[in-house]
Amino acid sequence: MGRYRNYSDEDKATALAFLAANRNNYKAASKHTGIPWQTLQSWHRDNIGVNEAVTEILPEKTKNLADALEEKLWLVVNLGFGEDKIKDAYLSNVTTALGTLVDKIRLLREQPTAIIGDDGKPKQINIAYTDREPDRTTDAVPAPTAPDAEAVD
């Protein structure tokens, strides 16, 4: 028979914040928190065991988690892109980690995680990689001039 455990209001609020950061993926949040996914589901979907105290604590726990993830993001940026680390990591892995952290932070702060077009659908951004080196010359960019300014030779 399974072991029954009582969770504090703090535990519940923290777990629900992790659930929000994982786009309500019960199994992913369970992996992070150690709380069975069925328990998370009953708290989130069915509101079983979630009292007013949990609801009051949740915004603070959500903010704290977003702040902690942001600290982790900066750690990845500062350490992940250092000369000694970049040669050991694939750029795709580092950028995926950064994207995941940014996505979770934005979810927790109730900010959009996609660019929505006029039709109400998420826009897809395509990035093309080529073997061609980018043109980094400044010759192609005309110097800015004030309106009605005379050219000086």
N, C-alpha and C. Protein backbone atom coordinates (compact mmCIF):
# COMPACT_ATOMS: atom_id res chain seq x y z
N MET A 1 0.83 -1.17 0.00
CA MET A 1 0.00 0.00 0.00
C MET A 1 0.89 1.24 0.00
N GLY A 2 0.45 2.28 -0.74
CA GLY A 2 1.25 3.49 -0.87
C GLY A 2 1.31 4.28 0.42
N ARG A 3 2.34 5.08 0.53
CA ARG A 3 2.55 5.91 1.70
C ARG A 3 1.77 7.22 1.54
N TYR A 4 1.01 7.58 2.54
CA TYR A 4 0.25 8.81 2.51
C TYR A 4 1.10 9.91 3.13
N ARG A 5 1.12 11.07 2.49
CA ARG A 5 1.92 12.16 3.00
C ARG A 5 1.10 13.43 3.05
N ASN A 6 1.26 14.19 4.09
CA ASN A 6 0.64 15.51 4.20
C ASN A 6 1.63 16.54 3.68
N TYR A 7 1.14 17.44 2.85
CA TYR A 7 1.99 18.50 2.30
C TYR A 7 1.57 19.82 2.93
N SER A 8 2.56 20.62 3.26
CA SER A 8 2.27 21.94 3.82
C SER A 8 1.72 22.85 2.72
N ASP A 9 1.13 23.95 3.13
CA ASP A 9 0.64 24.93 2.16
C ASP A 9 1.79 25.46 1.32
N GLU A 10 2.96 25.63 1.95
CA GLU A 10 4.16 26.09 1.23
C GLU A 10 4.55 25.09 0.13
N ASP A 11 4.54 23.79 0.49
CA ASP A 11 4.87 22.73 -0.48
C ASP A 11 3.90 22.76 -1.65
N LYS A 12 2.63 22.90 -1.34
CA LYS A 12 1.60 22.90 -2.39
C LYS A 12 1.79 24.09 -3.32
N ALA A 13 2.00 25.27 -2.75
CA ALA A 13 2.17 26.48 -3.56
C ALA A 13 3.42 26.37 -4.43
N THR A 14 4.50 25.87 -3.86
CA THR A 14 5.74 25.70 -4.64
C THR A 14 5.53 24.71 -5.78
N ALA A 15 4.86 23.61 -5.49
CA ALA A 15 4.60 22.59 -6.52
C ALA A 15 3.71 23.14 -7.63
N LEU A 16 2.72 23.93 -7.27
CA LEU A 16 1.84 24.52 -8.28
C LEU A 16 2.59 25.55 -9.13
N ALA A 17 3.55 26.24 -8.54
CA ALA A 17 4.40 27.16 -9.32
C ALA A 17 5.25 26.37 -10.32
N PHE A 18 5.82 25.25 -9.88
CA PHE A 18 6.59 24.40 -10.80
C PHE A 18 5.68 23.88 -11.91
N LEU A 19 4.46 23.55 -11.57
CA LEU A 19 3.51 23.06 -12.56
C LEU A 19 3.25 24.13 -13.62
N ALA A 20 3.06 25.38 -13.19
CA ALA A 20 2.85 26.49 -14.13
C ALA A 20 4.07 26.68 -15.03
N ALA A 21 5.27 26.56 -14.45
CA ALA A 21 6.50 26.73 -15.23
C ALA A 21 6.67 25.62 -16.26
N ASN A 22 6.03 24.49 -16.02
CA ASN A 22 6.12 23.35 -16.94
C ASN A 22 4.87 23.21 -17.80
N ARG A 23 4.17 24.32 -18.02
CA ARG A 23 2.98 24.35 -18.87
C ARG A 23 1.95 23.31 -18.46
N ASN A 24 1.76 23.16 -17.16
CA ASN A 24 0.81 22.22 -16.57
C ASN A 24 1.08 20.77 -16.95
N ASN A 25 2.35 20.46 -17.18
CA ASN A 25 2.76 19.08 -17.44
C ASN A 25 3.00 18.42 -16.09
N TYR A 26 2.03 17.58 -15.69
CA TYR A 26 2.06 16.99 -14.36
C TYR A 26 3.29 16.12 -14.14
N LYS A 27 3.67 15.35 -15.13
CA LYS A 27 4.80 14.44 -14.95
C LYS A 27 6.12 15.20 -14.84
N ALA A 28 6.28 16.27 -15.62
CA ALA A 28 7.50 17.07 -15.53
C ALA A 28 7.58 17.76 -14.16
N ALA A 29 6.47 18.31 -13.70
CA ALA A 29 6.46 18.97 -12.40
C ALA A 29 6.70 17.95 -11.28
N SER A 30 6.16 16.76 -11.45
CA SER A 30 6.36 15.70 -10.47
C SER A 30 7.84 15.34 -10.37
N LYS A 31 8.49 15.29 -11.51
CA LYS A 31 9.92 14.97 -11.54
C LYS A 31 10.73 16.01 -10.77
N HIS A 32 10.36 17.27 -10.90
CA HIS A 32 11.08 18.36 -10.22
C HIS A 32 10.79 18.39 -8.73
N THR A 33 9.54 18.09 -8.36
CA THR A 33 9.13 18.28 -6.96
C THR A 33 9.14 17.00 -6.14
N GLY A 34 9.07 15.85 -6.79
CA GLY A 34 8.99 14.58 -6.07
C GLY A 34 7.59 14.27 -5.57
N ILE A 35 6.63 15.09 -5.95
CA ILE A 35 5.23 14.87 -5.57
C ILE A 35 4.56 14.09 -6.70
N PRO A 36 3.83 13.03 -6.39
CA PRO A 36 3.19 12.24 -7.45
C PRO A 36 2.34 13.11 -8.38
N TRP A 37 2.38 12.77 -9.67
CA TRP A 37 1.66 13.59 -10.64
C TRP A 37 0.16 13.57 -10.39
N GLN A 38 -0.35 12.48 -9.85
CA GLN A 38 -1.78 12.40 -9.56
C GLN A 38 -2.18 13.41 -8.47
N THR A 39 -1.28 13.59 -7.51
CA THR A 39 -1.53 14.58 -6.45
C THR A 39 -1.53 15.98 -7.04
N LEU A 40 -0.56 16.27 -7.89
CA LEU A 40 -0.50 17.58 -8.54
C LEU A 40 -1.76 17.83 -9.35
N GLN A 41 -2.21 16.81 -10.04
CA GLN A 41 -3.40 16.94 -10.87
C GLN A 41 -4.64 17.24 -10.01
N SER A 42 -4.74 16.57 -8.87
CA SER A 42 -5.90 16.81 -8.01
C SER A 42 -5.87 18.22 -7.43
N TRP A 43 -4.68 18.72 -7.11
CA TRP A 43 -4.57 20.09 -6.62
C TRP A 43 -4.93 21.09 -7.70
N HIS A 44 -4.38 20.88 -8.89
CA HIS A 44 -4.52 21.85 -9.97
C HIS A 44 -5.88 21.77 -10.66
N ARG A 45 -6.24 20.61 -11.10
CA ARG A 45 -7.46 20.45 -11.90
C ARG A 45 -8.71 20.41 -11.05
N ASP A 46 -8.63 19.67 -9.95
CA ASP A 46 -9.82 19.44 -9.13
C ASP A 46 -9.88 20.34 -7.90
N ASN A 47 -8.80 21.09 -7.65
CA ASN A 47 -8.72 22.01 -6.51
C ASN A 47 -8.88 21.29 -5.17
N ILE A 48 -8.52 20.03 -5.12
CA ILE A 48 -8.60 19.25 -3.89
C ILE A 48 -7.35 19.55 -3.06
N GLY A 49 -7.56 19.92 -1.81
CA GLY A 49 -6.44 20.18 -0.92
C GLY A 49 -5.83 21.56 -1.05
N VAL A 50 -6.40 22.38 -1.94
CA VAL A 50 -5.87 23.74 -2.13
C VAL A 50 -6.80 24.69 -1.40
N ASN A 51 -6.32 25.21 -0.29
CA ASN A 51 -7.13 26.13 0.51
C ASN A 51 -6.74 27.57 0.22
N GLU A 52 -7.34 28.48 0.93
CA GLU A 52 -7.09 29.90 0.73
C GLU A 52 -5.64 30.28 1.00
N ALA A 53 -5.04 29.63 1.97
CA ALA A 53 -3.63 29.93 2.30
C ALA A 53 -2.71 29.59 1.12
N VAL A 54 -2.99 28.47 0.46
CA VAL A 54 -2.18 28.09 -0.71
C VAL A 54 -2.35 29.13 -1.81
N THR A 55 -3.58 29.55 -2.02
CA THR A 55 -3.88 30.55 -3.05
C THR A 55 -3.19 31.87 -2.75
N GLU A 56 -3.09 32.24 -1.47
CA GLU A 56 -2.42 33.49 -1.09
C GLU A 56 -0.91 33.40 -1.24
N ILE A 57 -0.34 32.24 -0.99
CA ILE A 57 1.12 32.04 -1.06
C ILE A 57 1.59 31.89 -2.51
N LEU A 58 0.73 31.37 -3.37
CA LEU A 58 1.13 31.01 -4.74
C LEU A 58 1.80 32.14 -5.53
N PRO A 59 1.27 33.38 -5.53
CA PRO A 59 1.95 34.44 -6.30
C PRO A 59 3.40 34.68 -5.85
N GLU A 60 3.63 34.64 -4.54
CA GLU A 60 5.00 34.83 -4.02
C GLU A 60 5.90 33.68 -4.46
N LYS A 61 5.40 32.44 -4.36
CA LYS A 61 6.19 31.28 -4.77
C LYS A 61 6.48 31.33 -6.26
N THR A 62 5.50 31.76 -7.04
CA THR A 62 5.68 31.87 -8.49
C THR A 62 6.75 32.91 -8.81
N LYS A 63 6.69 34.06 -8.14
CA LYS A 63 7.69 35.11 -8.35
C LYS A 63 9.08 34.62 -7.94
N ASN A 64 9.16 33.94 -6.79
CA ASN A 64 10.44 33.42 -6.32
C ASN A 64 11.03 32.42 -7.31
N LEU A 65 10.18 31.57 -7.87
CA LEU A 65 10.67 30.59 -8.84
C LEU A 65 11.13 31.29 -10.11
N ALA A 66 10.38 32.27 -10.57
CA ALA A 66 10.80 33.04 -11.76
C ALA A 66 12.13 33.72 -11.52
N ASP A 67 12.31 34.31 -10.34
CA ASP A 67 13.58 34.97 -10.01
C ASP A 67 14.72 33.96 -9.95
N ALA A 68 14.46 32.79 -9.37
CA ALA A 68 15.50 31.75 -9.28
C ALA A 68 15.88 31.26 -10.68
N LEU A 69 14.88 31.11 -11.55
CA LEU A 69 15.18 30.69 -12.92
C LEU A 69 15.96 31.77 -13.67
N GLU A 70 15.63 33.03 -13.40
CA GLU A 70 16.36 34.11 -14.05
C GLU A 70 17.82 34.13 -13.60
N GLU A 71 18.05 33.86 -12.31
CA GLU A 71 19.43 33.75 -11.82
C GLU A 71 20.16 32.61 -12.55
N LYS A 72 19.46 31.50 -12.72
CA LYS A 72 20.05 30.36 -13.42
C LYS A 72 20.33 30.73 -14.87
N LEU A 73 19.42 31.49 -15.48
CA LEU A 73 19.61 31.94 -16.86
C LEU A 73 20.91 32.74 -16.98
N TRP A 74 21.11 33.68 -16.06
CA TRP A 74 22.33 34.49 -16.12
C TRP A 74 23.56 33.65 -15.84
N LEU A 75 23.43 32.64 -15.00
CA LEU A 75 24.54 31.73 -14.76
C LEU A 75 24.91 30.99 -16.04
N VAL A 76 23.89 30.52 -16.76
CA VAL A 76 24.14 29.84 -18.03
C VAL A 76 24.78 30.79 -19.03
N VAL A 77 24.27 32.02 -19.08
CA VAL A 77 24.83 33.00 -20.01
C VAL A 77 26.28 33.31 -19.66
N ASN A 78 26.53 33.58 -18.39
CA ASN A 78 27.88 33.97 -17.98
C ASN A 78 28.87 32.82 -18.03
N LEU A 79 28.46 31.64 -17.63
CA LEU A 79 29.38 30.49 -17.64
C LEU A 79 29.31 29.71 -18.94
N GLY A 80 28.11 29.60 -19.47
CA GLY A 80 27.91 28.79 -20.67
C GLY A 80 28.58 29.34 -21.90
N PHE A 81 28.76 30.64 -21.95
CA PHE A 81 29.38 31.22 -23.12
C PHE A 81 30.83 31.62 -22.89
N GLY A 82 31.39 31.22 -21.75
CA GLY A 82 32.80 31.48 -21.50
C GLY A 82 33.66 30.64 -22.44
N GLU A 83 34.84 31.10 -22.73
CA GLU A 83 35.72 30.41 -23.68
C GLU A 83 35.98 28.97 -23.30
N ASP A 84 36.14 28.69 -22.00
CA ASP A 84 36.44 27.33 -21.58
C ASP A 84 35.23 26.41 -21.71
N LYS A 85 34.01 26.96 -21.64
CA LYS A 85 32.80 26.14 -21.70
C LYS A 85 32.29 25.96 -23.13
N ILE A 86 32.42 26.98 -23.96
CA ILE A 86 31.83 26.94 -25.29
C ILE A 86 32.43 25.84 -26.15
N LYS A 87 33.70 25.55 -25.95
CA LYS A 87 34.32 24.50 -26.77
C LYS A 87 33.84 23.11 -26.36
N ASP A 88 33.32 22.96 -25.13
CA ASP A 88 32.84 21.66 -24.66
C ASP A 88 31.35 21.45 -24.90
N ALA A 89 30.61 22.51 -25.23
CA ALA A 89 29.16 22.39 -25.39
C ALA A 89 28.77 22.71 -26.83
N TYR A 90 27.75 22.00 -27.28
CA TYR A 90 27.19 22.33 -28.58
C TYR A 90 26.36 23.60 -28.42
N LEU A 91 26.49 24.50 -29.36
CA LEU A 91 25.75 25.75 -29.29
C LEU A 91 24.25 25.49 -29.24
N SER A 92 23.79 24.47 -29.95
CA SER A 92 22.35 24.16 -29.94
C SER A 92 21.88 23.78 -28.54
N ASN A 93 22.72 23.08 -27.78
CA ASN A 93 22.34 22.71 -26.41
C ASN A 93 22.25 23.94 -25.50
N VAL A 94 23.21 24.84 -25.65
CA VAL A 94 23.22 26.05 -24.83
C VAL A 94 22.02 26.92 -25.17
N THR A 95 21.74 27.11 -26.47
CA THR A 95 20.62 27.95 -26.85
C THR A 95 19.29 27.31 -26.47
N THR A 96 19.19 26.00 -26.52
CA THR A 96 17.97 25.32 -26.08
C THR A 96 17.76 25.54 -24.58
N ALA A 97 18.82 25.43 -23.81
CA ALA A 97 18.72 25.67 -22.36
C ALA A 97 18.29 27.10 -22.07
N LEU A 98 18.86 28.05 -22.79
CA LEU A 98 18.49 29.44 -22.61
C LEU A 98 17.02 29.67 -22.98
N GLY A 99 16.61 29.12 -24.11
CA GLY A 99 15.22 29.27 -24.55
C GLY A 99 14.24 28.68 -23.56
N THR A 100 14.57 27.51 -23.02
CA THR A 100 13.70 26.87 -22.05
C THR A 100 13.57 27.71 -20.79
N LEU A 101 14.69 28.22 -20.30
CA LEU A 101 14.66 29.06 -19.10
C LEU A 101 13.85 30.34 -19.33
N VAL A 102 14.06 30.98 -20.48
CA VAL A 102 13.32 32.21 -20.78
C VAL A 102 11.82 31.90 -20.87
N ASP A 103 11.47 30.79 -21.51
CA ASP A 103 10.07 30.40 -21.64
C ASP A 103 9.43 30.20 -20.27
N LYS A 104 10.11 29.50 -19.38
CA LYS A 104 9.57 29.24 -18.05
C LYS A 104 9.41 30.54 -17.25
N ILE A 105 10.41 31.42 -17.36
CA ILE A 105 10.33 32.70 -16.65
C ILE A 105 9.14 33.50 -17.14
N ARG A 106 8.95 33.56 -18.46
CA ARG A 106 7.83 34.32 -19.03
C ARG A 106 6.49 33.71 -18.63
N LEU A 107 6.41 32.39 -18.59
CA LEU A 107 5.17 31.74 -18.16
C LEU A 107 4.84 32.13 -16.72
N LEU A 108 5.83 32.08 -15.86
CA LEU A 108 5.61 32.39 -14.45
C LEU A 108 5.25 33.86 -14.23
N ARG A 109 5.72 34.71 -15.10
CA ARG A 109 5.42 36.14 -14.98
C ARG A 109 4.20 36.54 -15.81
N GLU A 110 3.50 35.51 -16.31
CA GLU A 110 2.29 35.69 -17.11
C GLU A 110 2.54 36.60 -18.30
N GLN A 111 3.68 36.41 -18.95
CA GLN A 111 4.03 37.15 -20.16
C GLN A 111 3.90 36.22 -21.35
N PRO A 112 3.64 36.76 -22.53
CA PRO A 112 3.49 35.89 -23.71
C PRO A 112 4.79 35.14 -24.03
N THR A 113 4.63 33.93 -24.52
CA THR A 113 5.78 33.12 -24.91
C THR A 113 5.81 32.90 -26.42
N ALA A 114 4.91 33.55 -27.14
CA ALA A 114 4.87 33.43 -28.59
C ALA A 114 4.48 34.78 -29.18
N ILE A 115 4.82 34.99 -30.42
CA ILE A 115 4.42 36.19 -31.14
C ILE A 115 3.15 35.83 -31.89
N ILE A 116 2.08 36.54 -31.59
CA ILE A 116 0.79 36.25 -32.19
C ILE A 116 0.54 37.20 -33.35
N GLY A 117 0.15 36.64 -34.48
CA GLY A 117 -0.13 37.44 -35.68
C GLY A 117 -1.52 38.05 -35.63
N ASP A 118 -1.85 38.82 -36.65
CA ASP A 118 -3.16 39.47 -36.74
C ASP A 118 -4.29 38.46 -36.82
N ASP A 119 -3.98 37.26 -37.31
CA ASP A 119 -5.00 36.21 -37.44
C ASP A 119 -5.21 35.45 -36.12
N GLY A 120 -4.49 35.83 -35.07
CA GLY A 120 -4.66 35.18 -33.78
C GLY A 120 -3.83 33.92 -33.61
N LYS A 121 -3.05 33.56 -34.61
CA LYS A 121 -2.23 32.35 -34.56
C LYS A 121 -0.77 32.73 -34.30
N PRO A 122 -0.04 31.84 -33.62
CA PRO A 122 1.38 32.13 -33.39
C PRO A 122 2.14 32.23 -34.71
N LYS A 123 3.00 33.22 -34.79
CA LYS A 123 3.84 33.38 -35.98
C LYS A 123 5.03 32.44 -35.87
N GLN A 124 5.44 31.90 -36.99
CA GLN A 124 6.63 31.06 -37.03
C GLN A 124 7.76 31.89 -37.59
N ILE A 125 8.86 31.88 -36.89
CA ILE A 125 10.03 32.62 -37.34
C ILE A 125 11.02 31.61 -37.89
N ASN A 126 11.38 31.78 -39.14
CA ASN A 126 12.32 30.88 -39.78
C ASN A 126 13.68 31.56 -39.87
N ILE A 127 14.68 30.85 -39.46
CA ILE A 127 16.04 31.36 -39.54
C ILE A 127 16.81 30.47 -40.50
N ALA A 128 17.39 31.08 -41.51
CA ALA A 128 18.13 30.32 -42.49
C ALA A 128 19.63 30.46 -42.20
N TYR A 129 20.31 29.36 -42.22
CA TYR A 129 21.76 29.36 -42.03
C TYR A 129 22.41 29.14 -43.38
N THR A 130 23.43 29.94 -43.65
CA THR A 130 24.14 29.80 -44.91
C THR A 130 25.63 29.71 -44.62
N ASP A 131 26.37 29.30 -45.63
CA ASP A 131 27.82 29.25 -45.51
C ASP A 131 28.45 30.61 -45.79
N ARG A 132 27.64 31.54 -46.30
CA ARG A 132 28.14 32.85 -46.69
C ARG A 132 28.40 33.69 -45.45
N GLU A 133 29.54 34.35 -45.40
CA GLU A 133 29.88 35.25 -44.31
C GLU A 133 29.03 36.51 -44.42
N PRO A 134 28.55 37.05 -43.32
CA PRO A 134 27.76 38.28 -43.39
C PRO A 134 28.65 39.45 -43.81
N ASP A 135 28.05 40.40 -44.53
CA ASP A 135 28.76 41.59 -44.95
C ASP A 135 28.86 42.53 -43.75
N ARG A 136 30.06 42.73 -43.26
CA ARG A 136 30.25 43.55 -42.07
C ARG A 136 30.87 44.91 -42.40
N THR A 137 30.88 45.25 -43.66
CA THR A 137 31.47 46.55 -44.02
C THR A 137 30.48 47.66 -43.72
N THR A 138 31.01 48.83 -43.48
CA THR A 138 30.15 49.99 -43.24
C THR A 138 30.00 50.82 -44.50
N ASP A 139 30.69 50.42 -45.59
CA ASP A 139 30.61 51.19 -46.84
C ASP A 139 29.20 51.19 -47.41
N ALA A 140 28.45 50.13 -47.21
CA ALA A 140 27.12 50.01 -47.80
C ALA A 140 26.09 50.85 -47.06
N VAL A 141 26.42 51.31 -45.87
CA VAL A 141 25.47 52.07 -45.08
C VAL A 141 25.82 53.55 -45.21
N PRO A 142 24.90 54.35 -45.78
CA PRO A 142 25.22 55.78 -45.92
C PRO A 142 25.27 56.46 -44.55
N ALA A 143 26.13 57.44 -44.44
CA ALA A 143 26.25 58.19 -43.20
C ALA A 143 24.97 58.99 -42.98
N PRO A 144 24.50 59.05 -41.74
CA PRO A 144 23.28 59.82 -41.48
C PRO A 144 23.52 61.29 -41.68
N THR A 145 22.51 61.95 -42.20
CA THR A 145 22.62 63.41 -42.40
C THR A 145 21.38 64.06 -41.84
N ALA A 146 21.54 65.28 -41.37
CA ALA A 146 20.39 66.04 -40.88
C ALA A 146 19.58 66.54 -42.08
N PRO A 147 18.29 66.73 -41.92
CA PRO A 147 17.50 67.25 -43.03
C PRO A 147 18.06 68.59 -43.49
N ASP A 148 18.04 68.80 -44.79
CA ASP A 148 18.51 70.02 -45.43
C ASP A 148 19.99 70.29 -45.19
N ALA A 149 20.77 69.27 -44.87
CA ALA A 149 22.20 69.46 -44.65
C ALA A 149 22.90 69.44 -46.00
N GLU A 150 23.95 70.22 -46.11
CA GLU A 150 24.71 70.25 -47.34
C GLU A 150 25.83 69.23 -47.26
N ALA A 151 26.08 68.56 -48.36
CA ALA A 151 27.15 67.58 -48.40
C ALA A 151 28.48 68.32 -48.37
N VAL A 152 29.42 67.77 -47.62
CA VAL A 152 30.75 68.36 -47.51
C VAL A 152 31.72 67.44 -48.23
N ASP A 153 32.49 67.99 -49.18
CA ASP A 153 33.49 67.17 -49.89
C ASP A 153 34.81 67.20 -49.20
